[in-house]
Amino acid sequence: MEFSLWELNETNSSETSPGHGGSLYSRKPVVAALYVGVLGTAAVVGTLGNLVVITTVTMQQLYDVGRAFIANLASSDLVVTALINPLAIAGKRILT
């Protein structure tokens, strides 16, 4: 059984449960602004910090397991901060 995002949104925002309809932005604008602010700041700072770590680790001539681990960890964290956090902000607008 498949549902589209819009059907799920209509199901979640039924009028039988008071105060649960509409998006987070229309129901609680202060909470939404804090959510976007914190997640947006984390995305920018995390992306820049991980880029610095990756650049620093890869510019050094010596190669060992510890540096490879740090580079892999920073690159996976870069995916989260550069891709997942902005998509979470956008998804909150659509799904709630």
C-alpha atoms as a PDB file:
ATOM      1  CA  MET A   1       0.000   0.000   0.000  1.00  0.00           C
ATOM      2  CA  GLU A   2       1.516   3.304  -1.070  1.00  0.00           C
ATOM      3  CA  PHE A   3       0.744   6.809   0.108  1.00  0.00           C
ATOM      4  CA  SER A   4       1.929  10.094  -1.267  1.00  0.00           C
ATOM      5  CA  LEU A   5       3.420  12.743   0.985  1.00  0.00           C
ATOM      6  CA  TRP A   6       0.320  14.871   0.579  1.00  0.00           C
ATOM      7  CA  GLU A   7      -1.992  12.054   1.699  1.00  0.00           C
ATOM      8  CA  LEU A   8       0.175  11.477   4.765  1.00  0.00           C
ATOM      9  CA  ASN A   9       0.136  15.200   5.502  1.00  0.00           C
ATOM     10  CA  GLU A  10      -3.660  15.295   5.273  1.00  0.00           C
ATOM     11  CA  THR A  11      -3.892  12.224   7.500  1.00  0.00           C
ATOM     12  CA  ASN A  12      -1.608  13.725  10.137  1.00  0.00           C
ATOM     13  CA  SER A  13      -3.407  17.059  10.141  1.00  0.00           C
ATOM     14  CA  SER A  14      -6.918  15.753  10.677  1.00  0.00           C
ATOM     15  CA  GLU A  15      -9.329  18.063  12.367  1.00  0.00           C
ATOM     16  CA  THR A  16     -10.248  15.445  14.957  1.00  0.00           C
ATOM     17  CA  SER A  17      -7.127  16.229  16.956  1.00  0.00           C
ATOM     18  CA  PRO A  18      -7.251  19.889  17.994  1.00  0.00           C
ATOM     19  CA  GLY A  19      -4.093  21.936  17.643  1.00  0.00           C
ATOM     20  CA  HIS A  20      -2.344  19.355  15.481  1.00  0.00           C
ATOM     21  CA  GLY A  21      -3.304  20.639  12.029  1.00  0.00           C
ATOM     22  CA  GLY A  22      -1.127  22.713   9.735  1.00  0.00           C
ATOM     23  CA  SER A  23       2.626  23.029   9.562  1.00  0.00           C
ATOM     24  CA  LEU A  24       5.014  23.717  12.399  1.00  0.00           C
ATOM     25  CA  TYR A  25       5.600  27.161  10.907  1.00  0.00           C
ATOM     26  CA  SER A  26       1.935  28.112  11.163  1.00  0.00           C
ATOM     27  CA  ARG A  27       1.307  26.487  14.562  1.00  0.00           C
ATOM     28  CA  LYS A  28       4.418  27.543  16.498  1.00  0.00           C
ATOM     29  CA  PRO A  29       6.464  30.145  14.616  1.00  0.00           C
ATOM     30  CA  VAL A  30       8.908  30.706  17.497  1.00  0.00           C
ATOM     31  CA  VAL A  31       9.722  27.002  17.762  1.00  0.00           C
ATOM     32  CA  ALA A  32      10.055  26.817  13.985  1.00  0.00           C
ATOM     33  CA  ALA A  33      12.425  29.800  13.935  1.00  0.00           C
ATOM     34  CA  LEU A  34      14.564  28.214  16.657  1.00  0.00           C
ATOM     35  CA  TYR A  35      14.554  24.899  14.785  1.00  0.00           C
ATOM     36  CA  VAL A  36      15.663  26.516  11.538  1.00  0.00           C
ATOM     37  CA  GLY A  37      18.207  28.734  13.313  1.00  0.00           C
ATOM     38  CA  VAL A  38      19.875  25.961  15.283  1.00  0.00           C
ATOM     39  CA  LEU A  39      19.871  23.448  12.443  1.00  0.00           C
ATOM     40  CA  GLY A  40      20.988  26.067   9.923  1.00  0.00           C
ATOM     41  CA  THR A  41      23.840  27.222  12.137  1.00  0.00           C
ATOM     42  CA  ALA A  42      24.898  23.627  12.762  1.00  0.00           C
ATOM     43  CA  ALA A  43      24.857  22.960   9.018  1.00  0.00           C
ATOM     44  CA  VAL A  44      27.055  25.947   8.173  1.00  0.00           C
ATOM     45  CA  VAL A  45      29.524  25.553  11.052  1.00  0.00           C
ATOM     46  CA  GLY A  46      29.694  21.785  10.652  1.00  0.00           C
ATOM     47  CA  THR A  47      30.275  21.972   6.909  1.00  0.00           C
ATOM     48  CA  LEU A  48      33.057  24.530   7.234  1.00  0.00           C
ATOM     49  CA  GLY A  49      34.693  22.691  10.143  1.00  0.00           C
ATOM     50  CA  ASN A  50      34.647  19.344   8.372  1.00  0.00           C
ATOM     51  CA  LEU A  51      36.100  20.893   5.227  1.00  0.00           C
ATOM     52  CA  VAL A  52      38.958  22.319   7.309  1.00  0.00           C
ATOM     53  CA  VAL A  53      39.609  18.934   8.928  1.00  0.00           C
ATOM     54  CA  ILE A  54      39.574  17.092   5.596  1.00  0.00           C
ATOM     55  CA  THR A  55      41.871  19.678   4.013  1.00  0.00           C
ATOM     56  CA  THR A  56      44.305  19.570   6.926  1.00  0.00           C
ATOM     57  CA  VAL A  57      44.468  15.778   7.063  1.00  0.00           C
ATOM     58  CA  THR A  58      44.878  15.303   3.322  1.00  0.00           C
ATOM     59  CA  MET A  59      47.586  17.973   2.926  1.00  0.00           C
ATOM     60  CA  GLN A  60      50.004  16.174   5.246  1.00  0.00           C
ATOM     61  CA  GLN A  61      52.467  13.852   3.532  1.00  0.00           C
ATOM     62  CA  LEU A  62      52.450  11.016   6.064  1.00  0.00           C
ATOM     63  CA  TYR A  63      49.693   8.427   5.818  1.00  0.00           C
ATOM     64  CA  ASP A  64      48.630   6.247   8.687  1.00  0.00           C
ATOM     65  CA  VAL A  65      45.477   4.581   9.951  1.00  0.00           C
ATOM     66  CA  GLY A  66      44.631   7.367  12.407  1.00  0.00           C
ATOM     67  CA  ARG A  67      44.600  10.052   9.736  1.00  0.00           C
ATOM     68  CA  ALA A  68      42.527   7.878   7.417  1.00  0.00           C
ATOM     69  CA  PHE A  69      40.023   7.313  10.219  1.00  0.00           C
ATOM     70  CA  ILE A  70      39.753  11.054  10.937  1.00  0.00           C
ATOM     71  CA  ALA A  71      39.316  11.828   7.215  1.00  0.00           C
ATOM     72  CA  ASN A  72      36.587   9.188   6.844  1.00  0.00           C
ATOM     73  CA  LEU A  73      34.817  10.403   9.964  1.00  0.00           C
ATOM     74  CA  ALA A  74      34.955  14.020   8.781  1.00  0.00           C
ATOM     75  CA  SER A  75      33.698  13.100   5.311  1.00  0.00           C
ATOM     76  CA  SER A  76      30.717  11.184   6.688  1.00  0.00           C
ATOM     77  CA  ASP A  77      29.937  14.070   9.028  1.00  0.00           C
ATOM     78  CA  LEU A  78      30.241  16.422   6.056  1.00  0.00           C
ATOM     79  CA  VAL A  79      27.455  14.523   4.303  1.00  0.00           C
ATOM     80  CA  VAL A  80      25.229  14.967   7.351  1.00  0.00           C
ATOM     81  CA  THR A  81      25.924  18.664   7.806  1.00  0.00           C
ATOM     82  CA  ALA A  82      25.894  19.639   4.131  1.00  0.00           C
ATOM     83  CA  LEU A  83      23.022  17.442   2.933  1.00  0.00           C
ATOM     84  CA  ILE A  84      20.899  15.966   5.696  1.00  0.00           C
ATOM     85  CA  ASN A  85      20.508  19.053   7.903  1.00  0.00           C
ATOM     86  CA  PRO A  86      19.222  21.300   5.063  1.00  0.00           C
ATOM     87  CA  LEU A  87      16.914  18.519   3.897  1.00  0.00           C
ATOM     88  CA  ALA A  88      15.601  18.157   7.455  1.00  0.00           C
ATOM     89  CA  ILE A  89      14.743  21.860   7.482  1.00  0.00           C
ATOM     90  CA  ALA A  90      12.956  21.572   4.136  1.00  0.00           C
ATOM     91  CA  GLY A  91      11.220  18.338   5.123  1.00  0.00           C
ATOM     92  CA  LYS A  92       9.829  19.867   8.293  1.00  0.00           C
ATOM     93  CA  ARG A  93       8.029  22.421   6.170  1.00  0.00           C
ATOM     94  CA  ILE A  94       6.491  19.778   3.893  1.00  0.00           C
ATOM     95  CA  LEU A  95       5.571  16.977   6.277  1.00  0.00           C
ATOM     96  CA  THR A  96       4.251  18.789   9.347  1.00  0.00           C
END
